[in-house]
Amino acid sequence: MQRDSTPVEARSGVVSGRVILVLVSSFVGAIIALGLVWAFLLPH
């Protein structure tokens, strides 16, 4: 039997999902930035 989540619990789930999304996107952006720096600045 599944209990209904209160609006506060639902909102906290949305917020935590958004925080995870921001963390993942910033992580991916950092990897892309490091790749670009490596590609352009390091001598080949």
Protein backbone atom coordinates (compact mmCIF):
# COMPACT_ATOMS: atom_id res chain seq x y z
CA MET A 1 0.00 0.00 0.00
CA GLN A 2 1.48 3.28 -1.10
CA ARG A 3 0.78 6.39 0.95
CA ASP A 4 0.03 9.70 -0.69
CA SER A 5 2.85 12.21 -0.60
CA THR A 6 2.11 15.63 0.79
CA PRO A 7 2.69 18.72 -1.39
CA VAL A 8 5.79 19.53 0.66
CA GLU A 9 7.23 16.06 0.00
CA ALA A 10 6.41 16.29 -3.70
CA ARG A 11 8.03 19.72 -3.88
CA SER A 12 11.17 18.50 -2.11
CA GLY A 13 11.38 15.67 -4.64
CA VAL A 14 11.18 18.17 -7.50
CA VAL A 15 13.82 20.38 -5.88
CA SER A 16 16.20 17.48 -5.25
CA GLY A 17 15.74 16.33 -8.84
CA ARG A 18 16.50 19.84 -10.05
CA VAL A 19 19.62 20.01 -7.85
CA ILE A 20 20.84 16.68 -9.26
CA LEU A 21 20.18 17.96 -12.78
CA VAL A 22 22.20 21.13 -12.12
CA LEU A 23 25.07 19.11 -10.63
CA VAL A 24 25.16 16.72 -13.59
CA SER A 25 24.96 19.52 -16.16
CA SER A 26 27.73 21.50 -14.47
CA PHE A 27 29.86 18.36 -14.29
CA VAL A 28 29.36 17.73 -18.01
CA GLY A 29 30.10 21.39 -18.76
CA ALA A 30 33.33 21.20 -16.76
CA ILE A 31 34.42 18.09 -18.68
CA ILE A 32 33.67 19.81 -22.01
CA ALA A 33 35.57 22.92 -20.91
CA LEU A 34 38.58 20.84 -19.85
CA GLY A 35 38.47 19.05 -23.18
CA LEU A 36 38.43 22.33 -25.08
CA VAL A 37 41.31 23.72 -23.02
CA TRP A 38 43.27 20.52 -23.59
CA ALA A 39 42.53 20.60 -27.32
CA PHE A 40 43.42 24.26 -27.90
CA LEU A 41 46.16 25.07 -25.40
CA LEU A 42 48.30 21.97 -25.23
CA PRO A 43 50.89 21.57 -28.01
CA HIS A 44 50.15 18.71 -30.36
